C-alpha atoms as a PDB file:
ATOM      1  CA  MET A   1       2.051 -20.939 -20.842  1.00  0.00           C
ATOM      2  CA  THR A   2       0.170 -17.461 -20.594  1.00  0.00           C
ATOM      3  CA  GLU A   3       1.318 -14.791 -18.847  1.00  0.00           C
ATOM      4  CA  GLU A   4      -0.323 -13.750 -15.779  1.00  0.00           C
ATOM      5  CA  LYS A   5      -2.094 -10.405 -15.161  1.00  0.00           C
ATOM      6  CA  LYS A   6      -0.086  -7.921 -12.942  1.00  0.00           C
ATOM      7  CA  PHE A   7      -1.985  -6.011 -10.190  1.00  0.00           C
ATOM      8  CA  TYR A   8      -0.495  -2.774  -9.797  1.00  0.00           C
ATOM      9  CA  LEU A   9      -1.626  -1.950  -6.019  1.00  0.00           C
ATOM     10  CA  THR A  10      -0.198   0.665  -3.324  1.00  0.00           C
ATOM     11  CA  LYS A  11       1.392  -0.675  -0.107  1.00  0.00           C
ATOM     12  CA  GLU A  12      -2.080   0.280   1.371  1.00  0.00           C
ATOM     13  CA  GLY A  13      -3.847  -1.388  -1.373  1.00  0.00           C
ATOM     14  CA  LEU A  14      -2.014  -4.817  -1.128  1.00  0.00           C
ATOM     15  CA  GLU A  15      -1.939  -4.518   2.986  1.00  0.00           C
ATOM     16  CA  LYS A  16      -6.375  -4.607   2.422  1.00  0.00           C
ATOM     17  CA  ILE A  17      -6.302  -7.333   0.223  1.00  0.00           C
ATOM     18  CA  ARG A  18      -4.064  -9.356   2.340  1.00  0.00           C
ATOM     19  CA  LYS A  19      -6.255  -8.795   5.103  1.00  0.00           C
ATOM     20  CA  GLU A  20      -9.195  -9.390   3.580  1.00  0.00           C
ATOM     21  CA  TYR A  21      -7.906 -12.654   2.244  1.00  0.00           C
ATOM     22  CA  GLU A  22      -6.840 -14.037   5.752  1.00  0.00           C
ATOM     23  CA  ASP A  23     -10.421 -13.105   6.988  1.00  0.00           C
ATOM     24  CA  LEU A  24     -11.737 -15.036   4.121  1.00  0.00           C
ATOM     25  CA  LYS A  25      -9.570 -18.108   5.261  1.00  0.00           C
ATOM     26  CA  GLU A  26     -10.122 -17.981   8.738  1.00  0.00           C
ATOM     27  CA  LEU A  27     -14.262 -17.947   7.794  1.00  0.00           C
ATOM     28  CA  LYS A  28     -13.534 -21.028   5.775  1.00  0.00           C
ATOM     29  CA  LEU A  29     -11.511 -22.785   8.296  1.00  0.00           C
ATOM     30  CA  ALA A  30     -14.672 -21.584  11.094  1.00  0.00           C
ATOM     31  CA  GLN A  31     -17.066 -23.193   8.665  1.00  0.00           C
ATOM     32  CA  ILE A  32     -14.787 -26.270   8.044  1.00  0.00           C
ATOM     33  CA  ARG A  33     -14.831 -26.853  11.855  1.00  0.00           C
ATOM     34  CA  GLU A  34     -18.401 -26.073  12.037  1.00  0.00           C
ATOM     35  CA  GLU A  35     -17.738 -23.204  13.936  1.00  0.00           C
ATOM     36  CA  SER A  36     -19.437 -20.758  12.452  1.00  0.00           C
ATOM     37  CA  PRO A  37     -23.511 -20.276  11.605  1.00  0.00           C
ATOM     38  CA  LYS A  38     -24.349 -22.743   8.817  1.00  0.00           C
ATOM     39  CA  ILE A  39     -23.596 -20.880   5.168  1.00  0.00           C
ATOM     40  CA  LEU A  40     -25.651 -21.932   1.847  1.00  0.00           C
ATOM     41  CA  TYR A  41     -23.556 -23.903  -0.452  1.00  0.00           C
ATOM     42  CA  GLU A  42     -23.507 -21.310  -2.791  1.00  0.00           C
ATOM     43  CA  ASP A  43     -22.003 -19.144  -0.109  1.00  0.00           C
ATOM     44  CA  ILE A  44     -19.324 -21.658  -0.179  1.00  0.00           C
ATOM     45  CA  ASN A  45     -18.522 -21.689  -3.481  1.00  0.00           C
ATOM     46  CA  PHE A  46     -18.491 -18.069  -3.772  1.00  0.00           C
ATOM     47  CA  LEU A  47     -16.221 -17.989  -0.561  1.00  0.00           C
ATOM     48  CA  GLY A  48     -13.556 -20.306  -2.530  1.00  0.00           C
ATOM     49  CA  SER A  49     -13.534 -18.717  -5.512  1.00  0.00           C
ATOM     50  CA  LYS A  50     -12.903 -15.271  -3.399  1.00  0.00           C
ATOM     51  CA  ILE A  51     -10.237 -17.078  -1.641  1.00  0.00           C
ATOM     52  CA  ILE A  52      -8.673 -18.159  -5.426  1.00  0.00           C
ATOM     53  CA  GLU A  53      -9.256 -14.569  -6.274  1.00  0.00           C
ATOM     54  CA  PHE A  54      -7.147 -13.226  -3.745  1.00  0.00           C
ATOM     55  CA  GLU A  55      -4.390 -15.429  -3.780  1.00  0.00           C
ATOM     56  CA  ASN A  56      -4.028 -14.715  -7.714  1.00  0.00           C
ATOM     57  CA  ILE A  57      -3.905 -11.092  -6.804  1.00  0.00           C
ATOM     58  CA  ILE A  58      -1.209 -11.508  -4.254  1.00  0.00           C
ATOM     59  CA  LYS A  59       0.714 -13.841  -6.051  1.00  0.00           C
ATOM     60  CA  ASN A  60       0.310 -11.128  -9.403  1.00  0.00           C
ATOM     61  CA  ALA A  61       0.905  -8.195  -7.006  1.00  0.00           C
ATOM     62  CA  GLU A  62       3.542  -5.606  -8.138  1.00  0.00           C
ATOM     63  CA  LEU A  63       3.728  -2.584  -5.872  1.00  0.00           C
ATOM     64  CA  ILE A  64       3.205   0.752  -7.045  1.00  0.00           C
ATOM     65  CA  ARG A  65       6.665   2.938  -6.119  1.00  0.00           C
ATOM     66  CA  PRO A  66       8.005   6.614  -7.128  1.00  0.00           C
ATOM     67  CA  PRO A  67       9.775   6.303 -10.026  1.00  0.00           C
ATOM     68  CA  LYS A  68      13.335   7.438  -9.809  1.00  0.00           C
ATOM     69  CA  LYS A  69      14.082  11.130  -9.127  1.00  0.00           C
ATOM     70  CA  GLU A  70      14.892  12.078 -13.222  1.00  0.00           C
ATOM     71  CA  LYS A  71      11.604  10.746 -14.152  1.00  0.00           C
ATOM     72  CA  GLN A  72       9.010  12.315 -11.457  1.00  0.00           C
ATOM     73  CA  ASN A  73       8.297  14.818 -14.085  1.00  0.00           C
ATOM     74  CA  ILE A  74       6.494  12.145 -15.939  1.00  0.00           C
ATOM     75  CA  ILE A  75       3.079  10.470 -15.265  1.00  0.00           C
ATOM     76  CA  ASP A  76       2.776   7.222 -14.100  1.00  0.00           C
ATOM     77  CA  LEU A  77       0.946   5.017 -11.772  1.00  0.00           C
ATOM     78  CA  GLY A  78       1.143   6.617  -8.111  1.00  0.00           C
ATOM     79  CA  ALA A  79       1.280  10.008  -9.153  1.00  0.00           C
ATOM     80  CA  THR A  80      -0.911  12.927  -7.816  1.00  0.00           C
ATOM     81  CA  VAL A  81      -2.002  14.827 -11.196  1.00  0.00           C
ATOM     82  CA  LEU A  82      -3.689  18.918 -11.167  1.00  0.00           C
ATOM     83  CA  VAL A  83      -5.019  19.346 -14.582  1.00  0.00           C
ATOM     84  CA  GLU A  84      -6.891  22.363 -15.571  1.00  0.00           C
ATOM     85  CA  ILE A  85     -10.330  21.710 -17.530  1.00  0.00           C
ATOM     86  CA  ASN A  86     -12.307  25.048 -18.648  1.00  0.00           C
ATOM     87  CA  GLY A  87     -10.318  26.923 -16.201  1.00  0.00           C
ATOM     88  CA  GLU A  88     -11.153  25.257 -13.278  1.00  0.00           C
ATOM     89  CA  ILE A  89      -8.183  22.536 -11.421  1.00  0.00           C
ATOM     90  CA  ASP A  90      -8.985  18.904 -11.031  1.00  0.00           C
ATOM     91  CA  GLU A  91      -6.862  16.696  -9.237  1.00  0.00           C
ATOM     92  CA  PHE A  92      -6.440  12.797  -9.514  1.00  0.00           C
ATOM     93  CA  ARG A  93      -4.105  10.197  -8.256  1.00  0.00           C
ATOM     94  CA  LEU A  94      -3.544   7.301 -10.810  1.00  0.00           C
ATOM     95  CA  VAL A  95      -3.873   3.915  -9.383  1.00  0.00           C
ATOM     96  CA  GLY A  96      -4.359   0.244 -10.507  1.00  0.00           C
ATOM     97  CA  THR A  97      -7.567  -0.789 -11.368  1.00  0.00           C
ATOM     98  CA  LEU A  98      -8.375  -2.878  -7.890  1.00  0.00           C
ATOM     99  CA  GLU A  99      -7.962   0.507  -6.130  1.00  0.00           C
ATOM    100  CA  ALA A 100      -9.907   2.929  -8.459  1.00  0.00           C
ATOM    101  CA  ASP A 101     -12.004   5.059  -6.655  1.00  0.00           C
ATOM    102  CA  PRO A 102     -13.359   7.798  -8.905  1.00  0.00           C
ATOM    103  CA  SER A 103     -15.396   9.443  -6.206  1.00  0.00           C
ATOM    104  CA  ASN A 104     -12.306   9.705  -4.182  1.00  0.00           C
ATOM    105  CA  ARG A 105     -10.391  11.018  -7.318  1.00  0.00           C
ATOM    106  CA  LYS A 106      -8.185   7.717  -7.592  1.00  0.00           C
ATOM    107  CA  ILE A 107      -8.892   6.470 -11.272  1.00  0.00           C
ATOM    108  CA  SER A 108      -7.730   3.495 -13.163  1.00  0.00           C
ATOM    109  CA  ASN A 109      -4.204   3.573 -15.125  1.00  0.00           C
ATOM    110  CA  GLU A 110      -6.878   1.473 -17.655  1.00  0.00           C
ATOM    111  CA  SER A 111      -9.540   4.225 -17.426  1.00  0.00           C
ATOM    112  CA  PRO A 112      -9.828   6.955 -20.323  1.00  0.00           C
ATOM    113  CA  ILE A 113      -8.459   9.454 -18.326  1.00  0.00           C
ATOM    114  CA  GLY A 114      -5.523   7.264 -16.643  1.00  0.00           C
ATOM    115  CA  ARG A 115      -4.641   6.077 -20.353  1.00  0.00           C
ATOM    116  CA  ALA A 116      -4.667   9.682 -21.549  1.00  0.00           C
ATOM    117  CA  LEU A 117      -2.495  11.491 -18.921  1.00  0.00           C
ATOM    118  CA  LEU A 118       0.082   8.436 -18.575  1.00  0.00           C
ATOM    119  CA  GLY A 119       3.635   9.680 -20.111  1.00  0.00           C
ATOM    120  CA  LYS A 120       2.711  13.031 -19.983  1.00  0.00           C
ATOM    121  CA  ARG A 121       4.235  16.149 -18.428  1.00  0.00           C
ATOM    122  CA  VAL A 122       3.722  19.476 -16.795  1.00  0.00           C
ATOM    123  CA  GLY A 123       2.139  21.817 -19.778  1.00  0.00           C
ATOM    124  CA  GLU A 124       1.015  19.499 -22.009  1.00  0.00           C
ATOM    125  CA  ILE A 125      -2.493  19.547 -23.535  1.00  0.00           C
ATOM    126  CA  VAL A 126      -4.255  15.913 -23.139  1.00  0.00           C
ATOM    127  CA  VAL A 127      -7.489  15.296 -24.859  1.00  0.00           C
ATOM    128  CA  ILE A 128      -9.395  13.028 -22.488  1.00  0.00           C
ATOM    129  CA  LYS A 129     -12.385  10.794 -24.320  1.00  0.00           C
ATOM    130  CA  THR A 130     -15.282   8.825 -22.549  1.00  0.00           C
ATOM    131  CA  PRO A 131     -18.537   8.103 -23.043  1.00  0.00           C
ATOM    132  CA  ILE A 132     -19.878  10.956 -21.395  1.00  0.00           C
ATOM    133  CA  VAL A 133     -16.945  13.573 -22.041  1.00  0.00           C
ATOM    134  CA  ASN A 134     -14.785  14.813 -24.553  1.00  0.00           C
ATOM    135  CA  HIS A 135     -12.505  17.794 -22.795  1.00  0.00           C
ATOM    136  CA  ALA A 136      -8.847  19.225 -23.741  1.00  0.00           C
ATOM    137  CA  CYS A 137      -7.073  19.507 -20.173  1.00  0.00           C
ATOM    138  CA  LYS A 138      -3.483  21.189 -19.198  1.00  0.00           C
ATOM    139  CA  ILE A 139      -1.353  19.163 -16.900  1.00  0.00           C
ATOM    140  CA  THR A 140      -0.435  21.640 -13.917  1.00  0.00           C
ATOM    141  CA  LYS A 141       1.266  19.545 -11.582  1.00  0.00           C
ATOM    142  CA  ILE A 142       2.459  16.180 -10.949  1.00  0.00           C
ATOM    143  CA  LYS A 143       3.240  14.883  -7.584  1.00  0.00           C
ATOM    144  CA  TYR A 144       4.671  11.504  -6.031  1.00  0.00           C
ATOM    145  CA  ASN A 145       3.726  10.477  -2.377  1.00  0.00           C
ATOM    146  CA  ASN A 146       2.077  14.024  -1.539  1.00  0.00           C
ATOM    147  CA  ILE A 147       5.778  15.270  -2.229  1.00  0.00           C
ATOM    148  CA  ASP A 148       5.919  18.112  -4.969  1.00  0.00           C
ATOM    149  CA  LYS A 149       8.600  16.994  -7.332  1.00  0.00           C
ATOM    150  CA  PRO A 150      10.345  19.213 -10.146  1.00  0.00           C
END
């Protein structure tokens, strides 16, 4: 038996997925009861596949929680990290792939930047290699839940 993939989500991210799931189930029930506008066969199949996808995510979700106090000086999921790149300070929040939103500074733990930062500490120099950039950055601060940690 293959191991199910874990989906790392914040509490807010899991709530959003659950709401979308419930909305889709309601839409499907309304369609079955013929209470909603007719939708194309392809749309019904898409709706069914999205419901199955959300069920799988919810079943295999693992909430991102701050680590124990003694480990909050190490970058892990949920950390907000300040880095210095070429004299400029940049900030990222490390989240699971489903919540990644680079334009809002939320990066996936599976992205090149996320993978490079995981497990590092303040003061370490990290080389970030992406298809576009190849930069060295210095980790200047690690925070969990918007609370500064030692």
